[in-house]
Amino acid sequence: MSGIGIIATLRVQPGKEAEFEGVFAELAPAVAANEPGNSYYRLFRTEEAGVYKVLECYDDGAAVEAHRASEHFRTLGAKLGPCLAGAPEIEKLSAV
């Protein structure tokens, strides 16, 4: 079984959590509606204040690139940027 998993760790500035979660609430349904190569895209809050993880599953590398290039990701991702306290940490996994 092929597939690519991604775990993105996002650190949000104090006081920006609600704004961040609101933008993500727009982004997740846009990914589901417009990206057939994505089978899972969900935000999780960790036990550490202001730290979130996005769990993502894609069919292949082309689906990952389609996600990054999508209009909804560029537009809504730009809205997430001011909420972040640093660059996202991306962990890429291969399905077994």
N, C-alpha and C. Protein backbone atom coordinates (compact mmCIF):
# COMPACT_ATOMS: atom_id res chain seq x y z
N MET A 1 0.85 -1.19 0.00
CA MET A 1 0.00 0.00 0.00
C MET A 1 0.89 1.24 0.00
N SER A 2 0.69 2.09 -0.97
CA SER A 2 1.48 3.31 -1.00
C SER A 2 0.71 4.39 -0.25
N GLY A 3 1.36 5.47 -0.06
CA GLY A 3 0.74 6.59 0.63
C GLY A 3 1.76 7.36 1.41
N ILE A 4 1.44 8.61 1.65
CA ILE A 4 2.33 9.49 2.40
C ILE A 4 1.55 10.08 3.57
N GLY A 5 2.15 9.99 4.73
CA GLY A 5 1.58 10.62 5.92
C GLY A 5 2.42 11.83 6.28
N ILE A 6 1.78 12.85 6.76
CA ILE A 6 2.49 14.04 7.22
C ILE A 6 1.96 14.43 8.58
N ILE A 7 2.89 14.73 9.48
CA ILE A 7 2.53 15.30 10.77
C ILE A 7 3.18 16.68 10.80
N ALA A 8 2.35 17.71 10.81
CA ALA A 8 2.85 19.08 10.87
C ALA A 8 2.62 19.61 12.28
N THR A 9 3.69 20.05 12.92
CA THR A 9 3.59 20.65 14.25
C THR A 9 3.59 22.16 14.09
N LEU A 10 2.55 22.79 14.61
CA LEU A 10 2.38 24.24 14.48
C LEU A 10 2.32 24.87 15.87
N ARG A 11 3.16 25.85 16.08
CA ARG A 11 3.17 26.59 17.35
C ARG A 11 2.50 27.93 17.13
N VAL A 12 1.48 28.19 17.93
CA VAL A 12 0.65 29.38 17.77
C VAL A 12 0.98 30.40 18.86
N GLN A 13 1.01 31.65 18.47
CA GLN A 13 1.29 32.73 19.42
C GLN A 13 0.19 32.78 20.50
N PRO A 14 0.58 33.08 21.74
CA PRO A 14 -0.41 33.20 22.80
C PRO A 14 -1.51 34.20 22.43
N GLY A 15 -2.75 33.81 22.67
CA GLY A 15 -3.88 34.68 22.37
C GLY A 15 -4.40 34.55 20.95
N LYS A 16 -3.70 33.81 20.10
CA LYS A 16 -4.12 33.67 18.69
C LYS A 16 -4.77 32.30 18.42
N GLU A 17 -4.96 31.50 19.46
CA GLU A 17 -5.46 30.15 19.26
C GLU A 17 -6.84 30.12 18.59
N ALA A 18 -7.76 30.95 19.06
CA ALA A 18 -9.12 30.94 18.50
C ALA A 18 -9.11 31.36 17.04
N GLU A 19 -8.31 32.36 16.70
CA GLU A 19 -8.20 32.81 15.31
C GLU A 19 -7.62 31.69 14.44
N PHE A 20 -6.56 31.04 14.94
CA PHE A 20 -5.93 29.94 14.23
C PHE A 20 -6.93 28.81 13.98
N GLU A 21 -7.63 28.41 15.02
CA GLU A 21 -8.61 27.33 14.89
C GLU A 21 -9.74 27.70 13.93
N GLY A 22 -10.13 28.97 13.92
CA GLY A 22 -11.18 29.42 13.01
C GLY A 22 -10.77 29.33 11.55
N VAL A 23 -9.53 29.72 11.25
CA VAL A 23 -9.04 29.62 9.87
C VAL A 23 -8.92 28.15 9.48
N PHE A 24 -8.42 27.33 10.39
CA PHE A 24 -8.29 25.91 10.08
C PHE A 24 -9.66 25.27 9.84
N ALA A 25 -10.67 25.76 10.52
CA ALA A 25 -12.03 25.23 10.33
C ALA A 25 -12.54 25.52 8.91
N GLU A 26 -11.98 26.53 8.25
CA GLU A 26 -12.30 26.79 6.84
C GLU A 26 -11.43 25.92 5.93
N LEU A 27 -10.18 25.74 6.32
CA LEU A 27 -9.23 25.03 5.47
C LEU A 27 -9.55 23.54 5.34
N ALA A 28 -9.86 22.88 6.45
CA ALA A 28 -10.08 21.43 6.41
C ALA A 28 -11.19 21.02 5.44
N PRO A 29 -12.38 21.66 5.46
CA PRO A 29 -13.40 21.27 4.49
C PRO A 29 -13.01 21.59 3.04
N ALA A 30 -12.21 22.63 2.84
CA ALA A 30 -11.75 22.97 1.48
C ALA A 30 -10.82 21.88 0.96
N VAL A 31 -9.97 21.35 1.84
CA VAL A 31 -9.09 20.25 1.45
C VAL A 31 -9.93 19.03 1.08
N ALA A 32 -10.90 18.69 1.93
CA ALA A 32 -11.75 17.52 1.68
C ALA A 32 -12.53 17.65 0.37
N ALA A 33 -13.01 18.84 0.07
CA ALA A 33 -13.85 19.05 -1.12
C ALA A 33 -13.05 19.12 -2.41
N ASN A 34 -11.80 19.56 -2.35
CA ASN A 34 -11.04 19.87 -3.57
C ASN A 34 -9.81 19.01 -3.82
N GLU A 35 -9.49 18.11 -2.91
CA GLU A 35 -8.27 17.33 -3.06
C GLU A 35 -8.57 15.83 -3.00
N PRO A 36 -8.87 15.21 -4.15
CA PRO A 36 -9.17 13.78 -4.15
C PRO A 36 -8.00 12.91 -3.68
N GLY A 37 -6.77 13.41 -3.77
CA GLY A 37 -5.61 12.63 -3.33
C GLY A 37 -5.34 12.70 -1.84
N ASN A 38 -6.18 13.45 -1.11
CA ASN A 38 -6.05 13.55 0.34
C ASN A 38 -7.17 12.74 0.98
N SER A 39 -6.81 11.84 1.89
CA SER A 39 -7.84 11.03 2.55
C SER A 39 -8.05 11.42 4.00
N TYR A 40 -7.14 12.23 4.56
CA TYR A 40 -7.29 12.63 5.97
C TYR A 40 -6.56 13.93 6.20
N TYR A 41 -7.21 14.87 6.85
CA TYR A 41 -6.61 16.18 7.12
C TYR A 41 -7.31 16.74 8.34
N ARG A 42 -6.67 16.64 9.49
CA ARG A 42 -7.35 17.04 10.71
C ARG A 42 -6.40 17.68 11.70
N LEU A 43 -6.91 18.69 12.38
CA LEU A 43 -6.14 19.44 13.38
C LEU A 43 -6.36 18.85 14.76
N PHE A 44 -5.27 18.73 15.52
CA PHE A 44 -5.34 18.26 16.89
C PHE A 44 -4.61 19.25 17.80
N ARG A 45 -5.16 19.48 18.98
CA ARG A 45 -4.52 20.31 19.99
C ARG A 45 -3.70 19.37 20.88
N THR A 46 -2.45 19.73 21.15
CA THR A 46 -1.63 18.89 22.04
C THR A 46 -1.85 19.34 23.48
N GLU A 47 -1.19 18.65 24.39
CA GLU A 47 -1.31 19.02 25.81
C GLU A 47 -0.48 20.26 26.14
N GLU A 48 0.43 20.62 25.23
CA GLU A 48 1.26 21.82 25.43
C GLU A 48 0.51 23.03 24.89
N ALA A 49 0.39 24.07 25.69
CA ALA A 49 -0.37 25.26 25.30
C ALA A 49 0.15 25.84 23.99
N GLY A 50 -0.78 26.09 23.06
CA GLY A 50 -0.43 26.74 21.80
C GLY A 50 0.23 25.84 20.77
N VAL A 51 0.33 24.54 21.05
CA VAL A 51 0.97 23.63 20.10
C VAL A 51 -0.10 22.70 19.51
N TYR A 52 -0.14 22.68 18.18
CA TYR A 52 -1.10 21.87 17.44
C TYR A 52 -0.36 20.93 16.51
N LYS A 53 -1.04 19.85 16.14
CA LYS A 53 -0.51 18.94 15.12
C LYS A 53 -1.60 18.73 14.08
N VAL A 54 -1.18 18.75 12.81
CA VAL A 54 -2.08 18.43 11.72
C VAL A 54 -1.66 17.05 11.21
N LEU A 55 -2.61 16.12 11.20
CA LEU A 55 -2.35 14.79 10.66
C LEU A 55 -2.93 14.75 9.26
N GLU A 56 -2.10 14.35 8.29
CA GLU A 56 -2.50 14.38 6.88
C GLU A 56 -2.13 13.06 6.21
N CYS A 57 -3.00 12.58 5.33
CA CYS A 57 -2.72 11.38 4.54
C CYS A 57 -2.98 11.69 3.06
N TYR A 58 -2.01 11.34 2.24
CA TYR A 58 -2.09 11.58 0.80
C TYR A 58 -1.81 10.28 0.04
N ASP A 59 -2.37 10.17 -1.16
CA ASP A 59 -2.17 8.99 -1.99
C ASP A 59 -0.72 8.87 -2.45
N ASP A 60 -0.09 10.00 -2.77
CA ASP A 60 1.26 9.98 -3.33
C ASP A 60 1.86 11.39 -3.28
N GLY A 61 3.09 11.50 -3.78
CA GLY A 61 3.78 12.78 -3.77
C GLY A 61 3.06 13.84 -4.59
N ALA A 62 2.43 13.42 -5.68
CA ALA A 62 1.69 14.37 -6.52
C ALA A 62 0.53 14.98 -5.74
N ALA A 63 -0.10 14.19 -4.88
CA ALA A 63 -1.22 14.71 -4.07
C ALA A 63 -0.73 15.71 -3.03
N VAL A 64 0.48 15.47 -2.49
CA VAL A 64 1.08 16.41 -1.54
C VAL A 64 1.35 17.74 -2.25
N GLU A 65 1.93 17.65 -3.45
CA GLU A 65 2.23 18.87 -4.21
C GLU A 65 0.95 19.60 -4.61
N ALA A 66 -0.09 18.85 -4.97
CA ALA A 66 -1.38 19.47 -5.32
C ALA A 66 -1.94 20.23 -4.12
N HIS A 67 -1.75 19.69 -2.94
CA HIS A 67 -2.21 20.37 -1.71
C HIS A 67 -1.48 21.69 -1.53
N ARG A 68 -0.16 21.64 -1.63
CA ARG A 68 0.65 22.85 -1.42
C ARG A 68 0.37 23.92 -2.46
N ALA A 69 0.02 23.49 -3.67
CA ALA A 69 -0.21 24.43 -4.76
C ALA A 69 -1.65 24.93 -4.83
N SER A 70 -2.54 24.32 -4.05
CA SER A 70 -3.96 24.65 -4.16
C SER A 70 -4.25 26.09 -3.74
N GLU A 71 -5.25 26.65 -4.37
CA GLU A 71 -5.66 28.03 -4.07
C GLU A 71 -6.10 28.16 -2.61
N HIS A 72 -6.89 27.19 -2.13
CA HIS A 72 -7.38 27.28 -0.75
C HIS A 72 -6.24 27.20 0.26
N PHE A 73 -5.23 26.38 -0.03
CA PHE A 73 -4.10 26.28 0.91
C PHE A 73 -3.29 27.57 0.91
N ARG A 74 -3.04 28.13 -0.28
CA ARG A 74 -2.26 29.38 -0.34
C ARG A 74 -3.03 30.52 0.34
N THR A 75 -4.32 30.64 0.05
CA THR A 75 -5.11 31.73 0.60
C THR A 75 -5.28 31.61 2.11
N LEU A 76 -5.76 30.44 2.57
CA LEU A 76 -6.01 30.26 3.99
C LEU A 76 -4.71 30.07 4.77
N GLY A 77 -3.72 29.45 4.12
CA GLY A 77 -2.41 29.31 4.77
C GLY A 77 -1.80 30.66 5.08
N ALA A 78 -2.03 31.62 4.20
CA ALA A 78 -1.53 32.98 4.43
C ALA A 78 -2.19 33.60 5.65
N LYS A 79 -3.45 33.22 5.92
CA LYS A 79 -4.15 33.73 7.11
C LYS A 79 -3.64 33.06 8.38
N LEU A 80 -3.14 31.83 8.25
CA LEU A 80 -2.60 31.13 9.42
C LEU A 80 -1.26 31.71 9.84
N GLY A 81 -0.48 32.17 8.85
CA GLY A 81 0.87 32.65 9.10
C GLY A 81 1.00 33.62 10.26
N PRO A 82 0.19 34.70 10.32
CA PRO A 82 0.33 35.67 11.40
C PRO A 82 0.01 35.10 12.78
N CYS A 83 -0.64 33.94 12.83
CA CYS A 83 -0.96 33.31 14.12
C CYS A 83 0.21 32.49 14.65
N LEU A 84 1.13 32.11 13.75
CA LEU A 84 2.18 31.18 14.14
C LEU A 84 3.33 31.86 14.86
N ALA A 85 3.97 31.08 15.74
CA ALA A 85 5.11 31.56 16.51
C ALA A 85 6.41 31.03 15.92
N GLY A 86 6.39 30.60 14.67
CA GLY A 86 7.58 30.05 14.02
C GLY A 86 7.16 29.19 12.85
N ALA A 87 8.15 28.70 12.13
CA ALA A 87 7.87 27.86 10.96
C ALA A 87 7.32 26.51 11.40
N PRO A 88 6.39 25.94 10.63
CA PRO A 88 5.88 24.61 10.96
C PRO A 88 6.99 23.57 10.89
N GLU A 89 6.90 22.57 11.75
CA GLU A 89 7.83 21.44 11.69
C GLU A 89 7.09 20.33 10.96
N ILE A 90 7.67 19.84 9.88
CA ILE A 90 7.01 18.83 9.04
C ILE A 90 7.73 17.50 9.16
N GLU A 91 6.97 16.47 9.51
CA GLU A 91 7.50 15.11 9.55
C GLU A 91 6.78 14.31 8.47
N LYS A 92 7.56 13.72 7.55
CA LYS A 92 6.98 12.98 6.42
C LYS A 92 7.14 11.49 6.68
N LEU A 93 6.06 10.74 6.47
CA LEU A 93 6.03 9.31 6.75
C LEU A 93 5.59 8.54 5.51
N SER A 94 6.09 7.31 5.38
CA SER A 94 5.69 6.44 4.28
C SER A 94 4.78 5.34 4.81
N ALA A 95 3.65 5.12 4.16
CA ALA A 95 2.71 4.10 4.59
C ALA A 95 3.32 2.71 4.38
N VAL A 96 2.98 1.80 5.27
CA VAL A 96 3.44 0.42 5.15
C VAL A 96 2.28 -0.51 4.91
